[in-house]
């Protein structure tokens, strides 16, 4: 069995290697990102819906009093006429219809 003193450098190297594979400093200091693609819905293992989706994510510099260090907005639909926003606090989720 390994003691924590023996596994700590190995664990740190593993985490450092993972961060390096994701882009190193650029990954660590990422402030925002946009993902685009399709979102699929399933019910009883059957495809029940799909739509075009764009997800905008902003990583905050400072922690809010409660909640996450992230703001997210999901825009859905071919015309991008539906969106859902999630703020720093989980209590600030909203759904928008255009």
N, C-alpha and C. Protein backbone atom coordinates (compact mmCIF):
# COMPACT_ATOMS: atom_id res chain seq x y z
N UNK A 1 0.85 -1.18 0.00
CA UNK A 1 0.00 0.00 0.00
C UNK A 1 0.89 1.24 0.00
N UNK A 2 0.47 2.27 -0.77
CA UNK A 2 1.25 3.50 -0.86
C UNK A 2 0.81 4.49 0.20
N UNK A 3 1.78 5.15 0.79
CA UNK A 3 1.42 6.24 1.70
C UNK A 3 1.15 7.48 0.86
N UNK A 4 0.48 8.47 1.47
CA UNK A 4 0.15 9.69 0.72
C UNK A 4 1.42 10.43 0.31
N UNK A 5 2.48 10.31 1.09
CA UNK A 5 3.74 10.98 0.74
C UNK A 5 4.33 10.38 -0.53
N UNK A 6 4.17 9.06 -0.73
CA UNK A 6 4.70 8.42 -1.93
C UNK A 6 3.83 8.69 -3.15
N UNK A 7 2.51 8.75 -2.99
CA UNK A 7 1.64 8.91 -4.14
C UNK A 7 1.44 10.36 -4.54
N UNK A 8 1.73 11.31 -3.67
CA UNK A 8 1.51 12.71 -3.95
C UNK A 8 2.27 13.21 -5.19
N UNK A 9 3.58 12.97 -5.34
CA UNK A 9 4.26 13.43 -6.55
C UNK A 9 3.72 12.75 -7.81
N UNK A 10 3.35 11.50 -7.69
CA UNK A 10 2.78 10.77 -8.82
C UNK A 10 1.42 11.36 -9.22
N UNK A 11 0.60 11.66 -8.22
CA UNK A 11 -0.71 12.26 -8.48
C UNK A 11 -0.56 13.64 -9.08
N UNK A 12 0.38 14.43 -8.56
CA UNK A 12 0.61 15.77 -9.10
C UNK A 12 1.06 15.69 -10.55
N UNK A 13 1.94 14.76 -10.87
CA UNK A 13 2.40 14.59 -12.25
C UNK A 13 1.24 14.21 -13.16
N UNK A 14 0.36 13.34 -12.67
CA UNK A 14 -0.80 12.93 -13.45
C UNK A 14 -1.69 14.13 -13.77
N UNK A 15 -2.00 14.94 -12.75
CA UNK A 15 -2.83 16.13 -12.95
C UNK A 15 -2.14 17.11 -13.89
N UNK A 16 -0.85 17.34 -13.69
CA UNK A 16 -0.10 18.24 -14.58
C UNK A 16 -0.10 17.74 -16.02
N UNK A 17 0.04 16.44 -16.22
CA UNK A 17 -0.01 15.87 -17.57
C UNK A 17 -1.38 16.06 -18.21
N UNK A 18 -2.43 15.89 -17.42
CA UNK A 18 -3.79 16.09 -17.94
C UNK A 18 -4.01 17.54 -18.35
N UNK A 19 -3.60 18.47 -17.51
CA UNK A 19 -3.74 19.89 -17.83
C UNK A 19 -2.92 20.25 -19.05
N UNK A 20 -1.74 19.70 -19.16
CA UNK A 20 -0.89 19.93 -20.33
C UNK A 20 -1.57 19.42 -21.60
N UNK A 21 -2.20 18.26 -21.53
CA UNK A 21 -2.89 17.70 -22.70
C UNK A 21 -4.08 18.56 -23.11
N UNK A 22 -4.66 19.30 -22.18
CA UNK A 22 -5.79 20.18 -22.48
C UNK A 22 -5.36 21.55 -22.98
N UNK A 23 -4.07 21.84 -22.97
CA UNK A 23 -3.58 23.12 -23.47
C UNK A 23 -2.75 23.91 -22.48
N UNK A 24 -2.50 23.34 -21.31
CA UNK A 24 -1.62 23.98 -20.33
C UNK A 24 -2.15 25.31 -19.83
N UNK A 25 -1.31 26.34 -19.90
CA UNK A 25 -1.67 27.68 -19.41
C UNK A 25 -2.90 28.25 -20.10
N UNK A 26 -3.04 27.98 -21.39
CA UNK A 26 -4.23 28.49 -22.10
C UNK A 26 -5.50 27.90 -21.51
N UNK A 27 -5.46 26.62 -21.14
CA UNK A 27 -6.62 25.99 -20.51
C UNK A 27 -6.87 26.57 -19.12
N UNK A 28 -5.81 26.72 -18.34
CA UNK A 28 -5.93 27.24 -16.97
C UNK A 28 -6.52 28.65 -16.97
N UNK A 29 -6.15 29.48 -17.94
CA UNK A 29 -6.56 30.89 -17.97
C UNK A 29 -7.71 31.17 -18.94
N UNK A 30 -8.40 30.13 -19.40
CA UNK A 30 -9.53 30.32 -20.31
C UNK A 30 -10.62 31.14 -19.61
N UNK A 31 -11.10 32.20 -20.27
CA UNK A 31 -12.13 33.05 -19.68
C UNK A 31 -13.51 32.78 -20.26
N UNK A 32 -13.58 32.30 -21.49
CA UNK A 32 -14.86 31.97 -22.07
C UNK A 32 -14.68 30.97 -23.20
N UNK A 33 -15.78 30.35 -23.59
CA UNK A 33 -15.75 29.41 -24.70
C UNK A 33 -17.14 29.31 -25.30
N UNK A 34 -17.20 28.90 -26.54
CA UNK A 34 -18.46 28.69 -27.24
C UNK A 34 -18.42 27.31 -27.88
N UNK A 35 -19.47 26.54 -27.65
CA UNK A 35 -19.59 25.21 -28.25
C UNK A 35 -20.84 25.23 -29.14
N UNK A 36 -20.74 24.63 -30.30
CA UNK A 36 -21.88 24.56 -31.21
C UNK A 36 -22.02 23.14 -31.73
N UNK A 37 -23.26 22.72 -31.91
CA UNK A 37 -23.51 21.38 -32.42
C UNK A 37 -24.98 21.04 -32.32
N UNK A 38 -25.26 19.78 -32.11
CA UNK A 38 -26.64 19.31 -32.00
C UNK A 38 -26.89 18.75 -30.61
N UNK A 39 -28.09 18.95 -30.13
CA UNK A 39 -28.51 18.40 -28.85
C UNK A 39 -29.60 17.35 -29.13
N UNK A 40 -29.45 16.20 -28.56
CA UNK A 40 -30.38 15.09 -28.78
C UNK A 40 -31.13 14.78 -27.51
N UNK A 41 -32.40 14.40 -27.63
CA UNK A 41 -33.21 13.96 -26.51
C UNK A 41 -33.59 12.50 -26.73
N UNK A 42 -33.57 11.72 -25.65
CA UNK A 42 -33.93 10.31 -25.73
C UNK A 42 -34.99 10.00 -24.68
N UNK A 43 -35.89 9.09 -25.03
CA UNK A 43 -36.89 8.59 -24.10
C UNK A 43 -37.00 7.09 -24.34
N UNK A 44 -36.86 6.31 -23.29
CA UNK A 44 -36.88 4.84 -23.40
C UNK A 44 -35.92 4.35 -24.48
N UNK A 45 -34.74 4.89 -24.49
CA UNK A 45 -33.67 4.51 -25.41
C UNK A 45 -33.98 4.82 -26.87
N UNK A 46 -35.00 5.63 -27.11
CA UNK A 46 -35.35 6.02 -28.48
C UNK A 46 -35.14 7.53 -28.64
N UNK A 47 -34.66 7.94 -29.80
CA UNK A 47 -34.49 9.36 -30.09
C UNK A 47 -35.86 10.02 -30.10
N UNK A 48 -36.04 11.04 -29.27
CA UNK A 48 -37.34 11.72 -29.20
C UNK A 48 -37.26 13.17 -29.67
N UNK A 49 -36.06 13.66 -29.95
CA UNK A 49 -35.93 15.03 -30.44
C UNK A 49 -34.49 15.40 -30.65
N UNK A 50 -34.29 16.38 -31.53
CA UNK A 50 -32.96 16.93 -31.71
C UNK A 50 -33.09 18.38 -32.14
N UNK A 51 -32.08 19.16 -31.86
CA UNK A 51 -32.08 20.57 -32.21
C UNK A 51 -30.65 21.06 -32.36
N UNK A 52 -30.51 22.21 -32.99
CA UNK A 52 -29.22 22.89 -33.08
C UNK A 52 -28.98 23.58 -31.74
N UNK A 53 -27.78 23.51 -31.22
CA UNK A 53 -27.48 24.12 -29.92
C UNK A 53 -26.17 24.88 -29.96
N UNK A 54 -26.15 26.03 -29.31
CA UNK A 54 -24.92 26.79 -29.09
C UNK A 54 -24.85 27.10 -27.60
N UNK A 55 -23.72 26.80 -26.99
CA UNK A 55 -23.56 27.02 -25.55
C UNK A 55 -22.41 27.99 -25.33
N UNK A 56 -22.73 29.12 -24.71
CA UNK A 56 -21.73 30.14 -24.38
C UNK A 56 -21.42 30.02 -22.89
N UNK A 57 -20.16 29.90 -22.54
CA UNK A 57 -19.74 29.76 -21.15
C UNK A 57 -18.73 30.84 -20.81
N UNK A 58 -18.93 31.54 -19.69
CA UNK A 58 -18.00 32.55 -19.21
C UNK A 58 -17.52 32.15 -17.82
N UNK A 59 -16.22 32.10 -17.63
CA UNK A 59 -15.64 31.76 -16.33
C UNK A 59 -15.30 33.06 -15.61
N UNK A 60 -15.83 33.22 -14.41
CA UNK A 60 -15.68 34.47 -13.67
C UNK A 60 -14.32 34.55 -12.99
N UNK A 61 -13.82 35.78 -12.84
CA UNK A 61 -12.52 36.00 -12.18
C UNK A 61 -12.61 35.84 -10.67
N UNK A 62 -13.75 36.22 -10.10
CA UNK A 62 -13.89 36.16 -8.65
C UNK A 62 -15.12 35.33 -8.29
N UNK A 63 -15.04 34.68 -7.17
CA UNK A 63 -16.15 33.84 -6.71
C UNK A 63 -17.32 34.70 -6.27
N UNK A 64 -18.53 34.35 -6.68
CA UNK A 64 -19.71 35.04 -6.15
C UNK A 64 -19.94 34.61 -4.71
N UNK A 65 -20.77 35.35 -3.95
CA UNK A 65 -21.02 34.97 -2.56
C UNK A 65 -21.55 33.54 -2.42
N UNK A 66 -22.37 33.11 -3.37
CA UNK A 66 -22.91 31.75 -3.38
C UNK A 66 -22.85 31.24 -4.81
N UNK A 67 -22.72 29.96 -4.97
CA UNK A 67 -22.85 29.37 -6.29
C UNK A 67 -21.54 29.13 -7.01
N UNK A 68 -21.64 29.13 -8.34
CA UNK A 68 -20.54 28.73 -9.21
C UNK A 68 -19.75 29.92 -9.74
N UNK A 69 -18.57 29.66 -10.23
CA UNK A 69 -17.71 30.67 -10.84
C UNK A 69 -17.97 30.75 -12.34
N UNK A 70 -19.17 30.48 -12.77
CA UNK A 70 -19.43 30.35 -14.20
C UNK A 70 -20.81 30.92 -14.53
N UNK A 71 -20.92 31.50 -15.73
CA UNK A 71 -22.20 31.91 -16.32
C UNK A 71 -22.33 31.12 -17.62
N UNK A 72 -23.53 30.64 -17.88
CA UNK A 72 -23.74 29.83 -19.08
C UNK A 72 -25.05 30.24 -19.75
N UNK A 73 -25.01 30.28 -21.08
CA UNK A 73 -26.23 30.55 -21.86
C UNK A 73 -26.31 29.52 -22.97
N UNK A 74 -27.41 28.79 -23.01
CA UNK A 74 -27.65 27.79 -24.05
C UNK A 74 -28.69 28.35 -25.01
N UNK A 75 -28.34 28.40 -26.29
CA UNK A 75 -29.26 28.89 -27.31
C UNK A 75 -29.64 27.71 -28.18
N UNK A 76 -30.96 27.48 -28.33
CA UNK A 76 -31.44 26.28 -29.00
C UNK A 76 -32.36 26.63 -30.17
N UNK A 77 -32.45 25.72 -31.12
CA UNK A 77 -33.37 25.87 -32.25
C UNK A 77 -32.66 26.33 -33.51
N UNK A 78 -33.26 25.99 -34.64
CA UNK A 78 -32.69 26.36 -35.94
C UNK A 78 -32.55 27.88 -36.06
N UNK A 79 -33.56 28.59 -35.56
CA UNK A 79 -33.54 30.06 -35.60
C UNK A 79 -32.92 30.64 -34.32
N UNK A 80 -32.44 29.77 -33.45
CA UNK A 80 -31.87 30.15 -32.15
C UNK A 80 -32.84 31.04 -31.37
N UNK A 81 -34.10 30.59 -31.32
CA UNK A 81 -35.14 31.39 -30.69
C UNK A 81 -35.50 30.93 -29.28
N UNK A 82 -34.81 29.95 -28.73
CA UNK A 82 -35.00 29.52 -27.35
C UNK A 82 -33.65 29.58 -26.66
N UNK A 83 -33.64 30.06 -25.43
CA UNK A 83 -32.37 30.07 -24.70
C UNK A 83 -32.62 29.86 -23.22
N UNK A 84 -31.60 29.35 -22.57
CA UNK A 84 -31.63 29.17 -21.13
C UNK A 84 -30.34 29.75 -20.57
N UNK A 85 -30.46 30.52 -19.50
CA UNK A 85 -29.29 31.14 -18.89
C UNK A 85 -29.14 30.62 -17.47
N UNK A 86 -27.89 30.46 -17.07
CA UNK A 86 -27.58 30.06 -15.70
C UNK A 86 -26.49 30.99 -15.22
N UNK A 87 -26.76 31.68 -14.10
CA UNK A 87 -25.81 32.64 -13.57
C UNK A 87 -24.90 32.03 -12.53
N UNK A 88 -24.25 32.92 -11.79
CA UNK A 88 -23.30 32.47 -10.76
C UNK A 88 -23.99 31.66 -9.68
N UNK A 89 -25.23 31.99 -9.39
CA UNK A 89 -25.99 31.26 -8.38
C UNK A 89 -26.94 30.31 -9.08
N UNK A 90 -27.09 29.13 -8.55
CA UNK A 90 -28.02 28.17 -9.16
C UNK A 90 -29.45 28.68 -9.10
N UNK A 91 -29.71 29.69 -8.29
CA UNK A 91 -31.05 30.25 -8.19
C UNK A 91 -31.36 31.22 -9.33
N UNK A 92 -30.38 31.52 -10.19
CA UNK A 92 -30.61 32.49 -11.25
C UNK A 92 -30.79 31.85 -12.62
N UNK A 93 -31.26 30.62 -12.68
CA UNK A 93 -31.52 29.97 -13.97
C UNK A 93 -32.79 30.56 -14.58
N UNK A 94 -32.76 30.80 -15.90
CA UNK A 94 -33.92 31.36 -16.60
C UNK A 94 -34.06 30.72 -17.97
N UNK A 95 -35.29 30.62 -18.44
CA UNK A 95 -35.57 30.11 -19.78
C UNK A 95 -36.19 31.26 -20.57
N UNK A 96 -35.70 31.50 -21.80
CA UNK A 96 -36.15 32.62 -22.61
C UNK A 96 -36.75 32.09 -23.91
N UNK A 97 -37.85 32.67 -24.35
CA UNK A 97 -38.46 32.33 -25.64
C UNK A 97 -38.52 33.59 -26.47
N UNK A 98 -38.10 33.51 -27.71
CA UNK A 98 -38.16 34.68 -28.58
C UNK A 98 -39.40 34.66 -29.44
